[in-house]
Amino acid sequence: PEDVAKVVAFLCSEEAFMIRGQTIIVDGGTSVAPFILPEEGGR
């Protein structure tokens, strides 16, 4: 939820005035590295 709130806050700010027609994925990096699994045994 915090990541989504930060993206929403950015998009509502003056700094995002040039962003138009984009899909912004906020998934904690899952879409970038979906196949990295924790080692067996864990920590």
Protein backbone atom coordinates (compact mmCIF):
# COMPACT_ATOMS: atom_id res chain seq x y z
CA PRO A 1 0.00 0.00 0.00
CA GLU A 2 2.83 2.45 0.74
CA ASP A 3 4.37 1.92 -2.71
CA VAL A 4 1.04 2.59 -4.40
CA ALA A 5 0.50 5.71 -2.29
CA LYS A 6 3.94 7.05 -3.26
CA VAL A 7 3.23 6.52 -6.96
CA VAL A 8 -0.16 8.23 -6.66
CA ALA A 9 1.40 11.15 -4.77
CA PHE A 10 4.07 11.51 -7.45
CA LEU A 11 1.55 11.40 -10.29
CA CYS A 12 -0.49 14.11 -8.56
CA SER A 13 2.56 16.33 -8.11
CA GLU A 14 3.93 19.03 -10.40
CA GLU A 15 6.93 16.78 -11.15
CA ALA A 16 4.74 14.41 -13.19
CA PHE A 17 3.38 17.07 -15.55
CA MET A 18 4.92 15.40 -18.64
CA ILE A 19 3.58 11.89 -17.95
CA ARG A 20 0.71 11.00 -20.29
CA GLY A 21 -0.78 7.70 -21.41
CA GLN A 22 1.49 5.39 -19.46
CA THR A 23 0.91 2.13 -17.65
CA ILE A 24 2.80 2.18 -14.37
CA ILE A 25 3.25 -1.19 -12.70
CA VAL A 26 3.66 -1.10 -8.92
CA ASP A 27 4.31 -4.68 -7.84
CA GLY A 28 7.42 -4.61 -5.68
CA GLY A 29 9.61 -5.79 -8.56
CA THR A 30 7.72 -9.01 -9.30
CA SER A 31 7.29 -8.14 -12.98
CA VAL A 32 11.03 -7.54 -13.35
CA ALA A 33 12.24 -10.76 -11.73
CA PRO A 34 9.28 -13.15 -11.38
CA PHE A 35 11.37 -16.32 -11.27
CA ILE A 36 13.68 -15.53 -8.37
CA LEU A 37 12.61 -17.79 -5.52
CA PRO A 38 14.00 -17.91 -1.99
CA GLU A 39 16.50 -20.66 -1.30
CA GLU A 40 15.21 -23.81 0.37
CA GLY A 41 15.55 -23.67 4.12
CA GLY A 42 14.86 -19.96 4.20
CA ARG A 43 16.19 -17.63 6.80
